[in-house]
Amino acid sequence: MTLLPDLLVEKLERCLGEYEDNWTLPPECYTSQEVFTAEQERIFHQGWVGIGRADRWADPGHFAALEVGGVPIVVVRGDDGELRAFANSCRHRAAKIMEGEGHCSRMRCRFHFWTYAQDGRLVGAPRMQKTPGFNNADFGLVEFSVVEWEGFALVSLEENPPPFERWVGEFSQIHEPWRGEELVTARRREFTVECNWKSFAEVFNEYYHLPYVHPTSIDATYNAPDPAEKVAGAFATHFGTTEGTGALLDSQQENGQKLPVMEQLVGRLRAGVRYSWIFPNLAVAYGSDALWMYEVHPDGPHRCQVTMWVCFPQSTLDLADFAEKAAIYFERFDAALDEDIPMLEQQFLGQNSPFAQQGRHSDLEPNVACFADWYVNRLLMR
């Protein structure tokens, strides 16, 4: 287990507690290989980690080869409808079995043609009948725990992961009005950003930067958010009302291209956005007409792999003019990213300075501060 320097531990302990009192994470948390290694061990190899929206695996046989905490895994929807996750390592000599994404009836290693069923059982091993005592039943794929919940998919690499209901706490109750399990993915976009993974998730979860990074694109849409919320579970959440929908640019609010508000939403929820961070790596916005989300995975301390998801109710997808109107929504998400990403990359350069220091959180960054508290507790194994 990676040991962290005493001086860093002192800095990390400043991040604990209520957001009004705690400090930002020290720059080393964004730049240090040593911290990155500890994160892999204590955050991505333990607990639950998001792997996107569950409808990525919509049909039986659909698979996707992924990495979680640097560990190659393959996630597949079985013909029985169950979603399963396995170590993407052949039980013969550990070659990676599956690449990319697609459909399969079996999973076959190209090295020596060891073949596995969708439930991970070894069903074919050429010539191994000549090996004394060899039994297919002893060489199935290593399986991980996976859950489908609120329309998301999460996996745990732990042999005995923490109870999922305790992990997510009050999330379902707070987000129930949006009926997240019924929302359907309309767009998935993958990209790489030259910054630490935490920085990307942080910027999605705070209002502080809006007038400075997004002054003419989305800032005018967002009113001052509600006071910070205290919740039970490995997540943070923050609601605020909007002028129009948070899923369009300021300039597009009056162009007649809005998609319908989710019919079940009432009151303030019909013109607002709930920004939530499912720790460690799912940053989710529950808007009045859409859900948009960023799934973030570290690629070393200096780079992250990001997947954008945009989801709507099925009734919205069924509209005759959906494609035309949705394109304007996608334009808004891309435009905001085009402003955020250069700032994040500039931030990363500053974080690498030997003179970079810890700061304090503003009142518009409670989700970020809540994550810092959770992150430090995980990193220090408390």
Protein backbone atom coordinates (compact mmCIF):
# COMPACT_ATOMS: atom_id res chain seq x y z
CA MET A 1 0.00 0.00 0.00
CA THR A 2 1.37 3.40 -1.02
CA LEU A 3 2.41 5.57 1.95
CA LEU A 4 1.85 9.30 1.67
CA PRO A 5 4.39 11.81 3.07
CA ASP A 6 3.57 13.27 6.48
CA LEU A 7 3.59 16.83 5.11
CA LEU A 8 1.02 15.89 2.46
CA VAL A 9 -1.14 14.20 5.09
CA GLU A 10 -1.13 17.45 7.08
CA LYS A 11 -2.31 19.34 4.01
CA LEU A 12 -4.98 16.75 3.28
CA GLU A 13 -6.37 17.01 6.80
CA ARG A 14 -7.10 20.68 6.14
CA CYS A 15 -9.68 19.52 3.57
CA LEU A 16 -11.84 17.70 6.10
CA GLY A 17 -15.04 19.10 7.55
CA GLU A 18 -17.79 21.47 6.44
CA TYR A 19 -17.31 23.37 3.21
CA GLU A 20 -17.22 26.74 4.96
CA ASP A 21 -14.12 25.68 6.87
CA ASN A 22 -12.16 23.23 4.74
CA TRP A 23 -9.42 23.94 2.22
CA THR A 24 -9.05 22.99 -1.42
CA LEU A 25 -7.08 19.85 -2.21
CA PRO A 26 -3.32 20.49 -2.31
CA PRO A 27 -1.77 20.81 -5.79
CA GLU A 28 0.07 17.51 -5.30
CA CYS A 29 -3.29 15.72 -5.55
CA TYR A 30 -3.48 16.83 -9.18
CA THR A 31 0.13 16.33 -10.25
CA SER A 32 1.85 13.68 -8.11
CA GLN A 33 2.43 10.16 -9.42
CA GLU A 34 2.57 9.00 -5.80
CA VAL A 35 -0.90 10.40 -5.09
CA PHE A 36 -2.20 8.95 -8.34
CA THR A 37 -1.01 5.48 -7.31
CA ALA A 38 -2.73 5.86 -3.96
CA GLU A 39 -5.93 6.95 -5.72
CA GLN A 40 -5.91 3.86 -7.90
CA GLU A 41 -5.55 1.64 -4.83
CA ARG A 42 -8.00 3.35 -2.49
CA ILE A 43 -10.58 4.99 -4.72
CA PHE A 44 -10.79 3.10 -8.03
CA HIS A 45 -9.89 -0.39 -6.80
CA GLN A 46 -12.19 -0.08 -3.79
CA GLY A 47 -15.80 1.00 -3.44
CA TRP A 48 -18.01 1.63 -6.47
CA VAL A 49 -16.97 3.34 -9.72
CA GLY A 50 -19.27 4.61 -12.47
CA ILE A 51 -19.00 3.11 -15.96
CA GLY A 52 -21.69 5.21 -17.62
CA ARG A 53 -25.35 4.75 -18.44
CA ALA A 54 -26.61 1.18 -18.38
CA ASP A 55 -28.36 1.50 -21.74
CA ARG A 56 -24.94 1.42 -23.41
CA TRP A 57 -25.52 -2.33 -23.07
CA ALA A 58 -29.04 -2.19 -24.44
CA ASP A 59 -29.20 -5.60 -26.13
CA PRO A 60 -28.21 -9.14 -25.16
CA GLY A 61 -24.64 -9.84 -26.23
CA HIS A 62 -23.57 -6.20 -26.23
CA PHE A 63 -20.11 -5.78 -24.71
CA ALA A 64 -17.64 -2.98 -24.10
CA ALA A 65 -13.98 -3.31 -23.11
CA LEU A 66 -13.11 -0.64 -20.53
CA GLU A 67 -10.48 0.30 -17.97
CA VAL A 68 -11.29 1.06 -14.35
CA GLY A 69 -8.39 2.25 -12.24
CA GLY A 70 -6.00 0.98 -14.94
CA VAL A 71 -7.56 -2.50 -14.77
CA PRO A 72 -8.86 -3.86 -18.10
CA ILE A 73 -12.42 -5.12 -17.72
CA VAL A 74 -15.12 -6.27 -20.11
CA VAL A 75 -18.78 -5.57 -19.44
CA VAL A 76 -21.37 -7.66 -21.27
CA ARG A 77 -25.15 -7.98 -21.30
CA GLY A 78 -25.99 -11.69 -21.21
CA ASP A 79 -28.74 -13.36 -23.20
CA ASP A 80 -30.51 -13.63 -19.84
CA GLY A 81 -30.59 -9.83 -19.59
CA GLU A 82 -28.06 -9.61 -16.76
CA LEU A 83 -25.20 -7.11 -16.92
CA ARG A 84 -21.88 -8.65 -15.87
CA ALA A 85 -18.31 -7.40 -15.53
CA PHE A 86 -15.15 -9.49 -15.78
CA ALA A 87 -11.40 -9.02 -15.68
CA ASN A 88 -10.40 -8.71 -19.32
CA SER A 89 -7.54 -11.21 -18.89
CA CYS A 90 -7.53 -14.74 -20.25
CA ARG A 91 -7.14 -17.44 -17.62
CA HIS A 92 -4.46 -19.15 -19.73
CA ARG A 93 -1.63 -16.64 -20.02
CA ALA A 94 -3.48 -13.42 -19.27
CA ALA A 95 -3.85 -11.96 -22.76
CA LYS A 96 -6.52 -9.30 -23.13
CA ILE A 97 -9.58 -11.03 -24.53
CA MET A 98 -11.93 -8.35 -25.87
CA GLU A 99 -11.25 -5.05 -27.62
CA GLY A 100 -13.54 -2.13 -28.35
CA GLU A 101 -17.29 -2.54 -28.32
CA GLY A 102 -19.84 -4.65 -30.15
CA HIS A 103 -21.93 -7.81 -29.89
CA CYS A 104 -20.78 -11.31 -29.03
CA SER A 105 -22.25 -14.70 -28.29
CA ARG A 106 -18.94 -15.83 -26.80
CA MET A 107 -15.75 -14.07 -25.67
CA ARG A 108 -12.68 -15.59 -27.31
CA CYS A 109 -9.00 -14.89 -26.66
CA ARG A 110 -7.18 -14.57 -29.99
CA PHE A 111 -3.92 -15.90 -28.54
CA HIS A 112 -4.86 -19.56 -27.99
CA PHE A 113 -8.61 -19.48 -28.60
CA TRP A 114 -9.71 -20.02 -25.03
CA THR A 115 -13.42 -19.19 -25.21
CA TYR A 116 -15.78 -17.94 -22.51
CA ALA A 117 -19.56 -17.77 -22.27
CA GLN A 118 -21.33 -14.48 -21.55
CA ASP A 119 -21.46 -15.49 -17.88
CA GLY A 120 -17.67 -15.93 -17.75
CA ARG A 121 -17.54 -19.75 -17.84
CA LEU A 122 -14.69 -21.30 -19.80
CA VAL A 123 -16.41 -23.27 -22.58
CA GLY A 124 -13.51 -23.94 -24.94
CA ALA A 125 -9.81 -24.61 -24.34
CA PRO A 126 -8.07 -26.35 -27.29
CA ARG A 127 -5.90 -29.34 -26.38
CA MET A 128 -6.22 -28.72 -22.65
CA GLN A 129 -7.83 -32.16 -22.25
CA LYS A 130 -4.27 -33.47 -22.56
CA THR A 131 -3.26 -31.57 -19.41
CA PRO A 132 -3.68 -33.85 -16.35
CA GLY A 133 -6.34 -32.70 -13.92
CA PHE A 134 -7.48 -29.76 -16.07
CA ASN A 135 -11.12 -28.82 -15.54
CA ASN A 136 -12.85 -25.99 -17.44
CA ALA A 137 -14.89 -25.17 -14.34
CA ASP A 138 -11.74 -24.05 -12.53
CA PHE A 139 -10.78 -21.42 -15.11
CA GLY A 140 -13.69 -19.05 -15.59
CA LEU A 141 -13.09 -15.33 -15.88
CA VAL A 142 -12.62 -13.33 -12.69
CA GLU A 143 -15.98 -11.64 -12.10
CA PHE A 144 -16.65 -8.26 -10.50
CA SER A 145 -19.77 -6.90 -8.85
CA VAL A 146 -21.84 -4.63 -11.10
CA VAL A 147 -25.11 -2.80 -10.46
CA GLU A 148 -27.68 -1.05 -12.62
CA TRP A 149 -29.24 1.77 -10.65
CA GLU A 150 -31.12 4.93 -11.59
CA GLY A 151 -30.13 4.23 -15.21
CA PHE A 152 -26.41 4.16 -14.36
CA ALA A 153 -23.99 1.25 -14.28
CA LEU A 154 -21.36 0.97 -11.56
CA VAL A 155 -18.72 -1.66 -10.89
CA SER A 156 -16.60 -2.64 -7.89
CA LEU A 157 -13.24 -4.38 -8.17
CA GLU A 158 -13.36 -5.36 -4.49
CA GLU A 159 -13.90 -8.99 -3.60
CA ASN A 160 -16.40 -7.89 -0.96
CA PRO A 161 -17.58 -4.40 -1.93
CA PRO A 162 -19.43 -2.15 0.49
CA PRO A 163 -23.23 -2.54 0.41
CA PHE A 164 -24.41 -0.48 -2.54
CA GLU A 165 -27.50 0.91 -0.80
CA ARG A 166 -25.30 2.32 1.96
CA TRP A 167 -22.83 3.70 -0.59
CA VAL A 168 -25.47 5.76 -2.46
CA GLY A 169 -27.43 6.74 0.63
CA GLU A 170 -30.18 9.31 -0.05
CA PHE A 171 -29.45 9.75 -3.76
CA SER A 172 -32.55 7.96 -5.06
CA GLN A 173 -34.93 9.86 -2.80
CA ILE A 174 -33.49 13.25 -3.74
CA HIS A 175 -33.45 12.55 -7.49
CA GLU A 176 -36.71 10.60 -7.70
CA PRO A 177 -38.66 13.38 -9.51
CA TRP A 178 -36.52 12.95 -12.65
CA ARG A 179 -37.15 9.18 -12.97
CA GLY A 180 -33.57 8.69 -14.09
CA GLU A 181 -33.98 5.00 -14.81
CA GLU A 182 -36.46 5.88 -17.59
CA LEU A 183 -34.19 8.35 -19.42
CA VAL A 184 -32.62 7.14 -22.67
CA THR A 185 -29.17 7.98 -24.01
CA ALA A 186 -29.35 10.04 -27.19
CA ARG A 187 -25.69 10.97 -27.45
CA ARG A 188 -22.36 9.60 -26.22
CA ARG A 189 -19.15 11.44 -27.02
CA GLU A 190 -15.67 10.37 -25.87
CA PHE A 191 -12.65 12.69 -25.62
CA THR A 192 -9.37 13.28 -23.77
CA VAL A 193 -8.45 16.32 -21.65
CA GLU A 194 -4.92 17.24 -20.55
CA CYS A 195 -5.79 17.79 -16.92
CA ASN A 196 -6.26 15.77 -13.76
CA TRP A 197 -9.55 13.84 -13.58
CA LYS A 198 -10.66 15.60 -10.41
CA SER A 199 -10.33 19.04 -11.99
CA PHE A 200 -12.70 18.05 -14.78
CA ALA A 201 -15.36 16.79 -12.38
CA GLU A 202 -14.91 19.81 -10.11
CA VAL A 203 -15.54 22.43 -12.79
CA PHE A 204 -18.84 20.74 -13.68
CA ASN A 205 -19.94 21.02 -10.05
CA GLU A 206 -19.47 24.69 -9.22
CA TYR A 207 -21.12 27.97 -10.18
CA TYR A 208 -18.14 30.15 -9.27
CA HIS A 209 -16.53 30.09 -12.72
CA LEU A 210 -19.68 30.76 -14.78
CA PRO A 211 -19.41 34.56 -15.21
CA TYR A 212 -15.70 34.35 -15.98
CA VAL A 213 -15.39 31.29 -18.21
CA HIS A 214 -18.90 31.34 -19.74
CA PRO A 215 -19.88 35.06 -19.74
CA THR A 216 -21.77 35.03 -23.05
CA SER A 217 -22.65 31.35 -23.48
CA ILE A 218 -24.51 30.03 -20.41
CA ASP A 219 -23.95 32.40 -17.46
CA ALA A 220 -27.15 34.43 -17.99
CA THR A 221 -29.24 31.27 -17.87
CA TYR A 222 -28.21 30.36 -14.31
CA ASN A 223 -29.63 32.11 -11.26
CA ALA A 224 -27.81 31.99 -7.94
CA PRO A 225 -28.06 28.42 -6.62
CA ASP A 226 -29.89 27.29 -3.50
CA PRO A 227 -27.91 26.97 -0.27
CA ALA A 228 -25.64 23.94 -0.01
CA GLU A 229 -27.29 20.66 0.92
CA LYS A 230 -26.04 18.08 3.41
CA VAL A 231 -26.72 14.52 2.29
CA ALA A 232 -25.93 10.97 3.36
CA GLY A 233 -24.02 8.88 0.82
CA ALA A 234 -21.05 9.05 -1.52
CA PHE A 235 -22.36 11.99 -3.53
CA ALA A 236 -22.89 15.74 -3.42
CA THR A 237 -25.78 17.70 -4.92
CA HIS A 238 -26.77 21.31 -5.50
CA PHE A 239 -29.95 22.75 -7.08
CA GLY A 240 -30.51 26.10 -8.76
CA THR A 241 -33.21 27.66 -10.90
CA THR A 242 -32.62 28.78 -14.48
CA GLU A 243 -33.98 31.31 -16.93
CA GLY A 244 -35.27 28.82 -19.46
CA THR A 245 -33.46 25.51 -19.64
CA GLY A 246 -29.90 24.88 -18.51
CA ALA A 247 -29.45 22.65 -21.53
CA LEU A 248 -29.40 25.51 -24.07
CA LEU A 249 -27.12 28.48 -24.66
CA ASP A 250 -28.26 31.90 -23.47
CA SER A 251 -28.83 32.93 -27.09
CA GLN A 252 -30.99 29.89 -27.85
CA GLN A 253 -33.56 30.24 -25.08
CA GLU A 254 -36.10 32.12 -27.19
CA ASN A 255 -35.62 30.43 -30.57
CA GLY A 256 -38.59 28.09 -30.31
CA GLN A 257 -36.38 24.99 -30.35
CA LYS A 258 -36.85 23.86 -26.77
CA LEU A 259 -37.68 20.25 -26.10
CA PRO A 260 -40.53 19.47 -23.68
CA VAL A 261 -40.13 19.78 -19.93
CA MET A 262 -40.37 16.36 -18.28
CA GLU A 263 -44.07 16.08 -17.58
CA GLN A 264 -43.72 14.69 -14.06
CA LEU A 265 -41.68 17.66 -12.79
CA VAL A 266 -43.52 20.28 -10.77
CA GLY A 267 -42.82 23.71 -9.31
CA ARG A 268 -39.26 25.01 -9.35
CA LEU A 269 -37.98 21.77 -10.88
CA ARG A 270 -39.56 22.78 -14.19
CA ALA A 271 -36.99 25.56 -14.60
CA GLY A 272 -33.84 24.46 -12.86
CA VAL A 273 -30.91 22.06 -12.75
CA ARG A 274 -29.74 19.73 -10.00
CA TYR A 275 -25.99 19.22 -10.32
CA SER A 276 -24.83 16.06 -8.59
CA TRP A 277 -21.50 14.31 -8.26
CA ILE A 278 -21.67 10.56 -7.72
CA PHE A 279 -18.26 9.89 -6.22
CA PRO A 280 -15.74 9.36 -7.52
CA ASN A 281 -16.31 9.91 -11.24
CA LEU A 282 -19.86 10.65 -12.43
CA ALA A 283 -20.79 14.33 -12.73
CA VAL A 284 -24.50 14.53 -13.53
CA ALA A 285 -26.90 17.38 -14.32
CA TYR A 286 -30.62 16.73 -13.92
CA GLY A 287 -32.26 19.43 -16.01
CA SER A 288 -35.93 20.12 -16.66
CA ASP A 289 -35.82 18.55 -20.13
CA ALA A 290 -32.64 16.45 -20.23
CA LEU A 291 -29.97 14.72 -18.20
CA TRP A 292 -26.36 15.34 -19.16
CA MET A 293 -23.41 13.67 -17.56
CA TYR A 294 -19.63 13.32 -17.69
CA GLU A 295 -18.02 10.00 -16.83
CA VAL A 296 -14.37 10.71 -15.96
CA HIS A 297 -11.51 8.21 -15.69
CA PRO A 298 -7.89 9.09 -14.87
CA ASP A 299 -5.15 8.40 -17.39
CA GLY A 300 -2.24 9.13 -15.08
CA PRO A 301 -2.23 12.30 -12.99
CA HIS A 302 -1.94 14.55 -16.04
CA ARG A 303 -4.74 13.37 -18.34
CA CYS A 304 -8.30 12.07 -18.16
CA GLN A 305 -10.60 10.17 -20.45
CA VAL A 306 -14.10 11.63 -20.51
CA THR A 307 -17.41 10.39 -21.87
CA MET A 308 -20.30 12.81 -22.30
CA TRP A 309 -23.80 11.33 -22.05
CA VAL A 310 -27.01 13.18 -22.96
CA CYS A 311 -30.33 11.53 -22.11
CA PHE A 312 -34.02 12.35 -22.64
CA PRO A 313 -37.38 10.74 -21.89
CA GLN A 314 -38.49 8.26 -24.56
CA SER A 315 -41.47 10.51 -25.35
CA THR A 316 -39.03 13.28 -26.28
CA LEU A 317 -36.98 10.99 -28.50
CA ASP A 318 -40.18 10.00 -30.29
CA LEU A 319 -40.94 13.57 -31.42
CA ALA A 320 -40.83 14.08 -35.19
CA ASP A 321 -38.46 17.06 -34.87
CA PHE A 322 -36.29 15.57 -32.12
CA ALA A 323 -33.09 15.27 -34.19
CA GLU A 324 -33.29 18.90 -35.31
CA LYS A 325 -33.90 20.26 -31.82
CA ALA A 326 -31.46 17.90 -30.10
CA ALA A 327 -28.64 19.16 -32.33
CA ILE A 328 -29.07 22.59 -30.73
CA TYR A 329 -28.81 21.02 -27.27
CA PHE A 330 -25.63 19.19 -28.28
CA GLU A 331 -24.25 22.49 -29.58
CA ARG A 332 -24.69 23.98 -26.10
CA PHE A 333 -22.80 21.15 -24.40
CA ASP A 334 -19.95 21.32 -26.90
CA ALA A 335 -19.74 25.11 -26.62
CA ALA A 336 -19.42 24.97 -22.83
CA LEU A 337 -16.71 22.32 -23.14
CA ASP A 338 -14.84 24.46 -25.64
CA GLU A 339 -14.64 27.13 -22.94
CA ASP A 340 -13.97 24.83 -19.99
CA ILE A 341 -11.21 22.67 -21.47
CA PRO A 342 -8.66 25.45 -22.21
CA MET A 343 -9.21 26.75 -18.67
CA LEU A 344 -8.68 23.28 -17.19
CA GLU A 345 -5.48 22.80 -19.15
CA GLN A 346 -4.26 26.23 -18.03
CA GLN A 347 -5.14 25.31 -14.44
CA PHE A 348 -3.10 22.11 -14.73
CA LEU A 349 -0.04 24.10 -15.79
CA GLY A 350 -0.45 26.28 -12.70
CA GLN A 351 -0.92 23.27 -10.44
CA ASN A 352 2.49 22.00 -11.56
CA SER A 353 4.24 25.10 -10.27
CA PRO A 354 6.48 24.44 -7.23
CA PHE A 355 4.87 27.54 -5.72
CA ALA A 356 1.24 26.37 -6.10
CA GLN A 357 -0.59 26.38 -2.77
CA GLN A 358 -3.87 25.25 -1.26
CA GLY A 359 -6.77 27.70 -1.33
CA ARG A 360 -10.22 28.06 0.25
CA HIS A 361 -13.61 27.20 -1.24
CA SER A 362 -16.18 29.86 -2.06
CA ASP A 363 -19.86 29.56 -1.18
CA LEU A 364 -20.51 28.56 -4.83
CA GLU A 365 -18.35 25.42 -4.56
CA PRO A 366 -20.05 23.22 -1.93
CA ASN A 367 -20.07 20.10 -4.15
CA VAL A 368 -16.33 20.50 -4.70
CA ALA A 369 -15.71 20.91 -0.99
CA CYS A 370 -17.89 17.90 -0.17
CA PHE A 371 -15.89 15.80 -2.63
CA ALA A 372 -12.62 16.99 -1.06
CA ASP A 373 -13.79 15.77 2.35
CA TRP A 374 -14.89 12.38 0.92
CA TYR A 375 -11.72 12.02 -1.16
CA VAL A 376 -9.38 12.70 1.74
CA ASN A 377 -11.19 10.23 3.96
CA ARG A 378 -10.80 7.58 1.25
CA LEU A 379 -7.17 8.49 0.55
CA LEU A 380 -6.28 8.36 4.24
CA MET A 381 -8.39 5.17 4.66
CA ARG A 382 -10.57 6.60 7.40
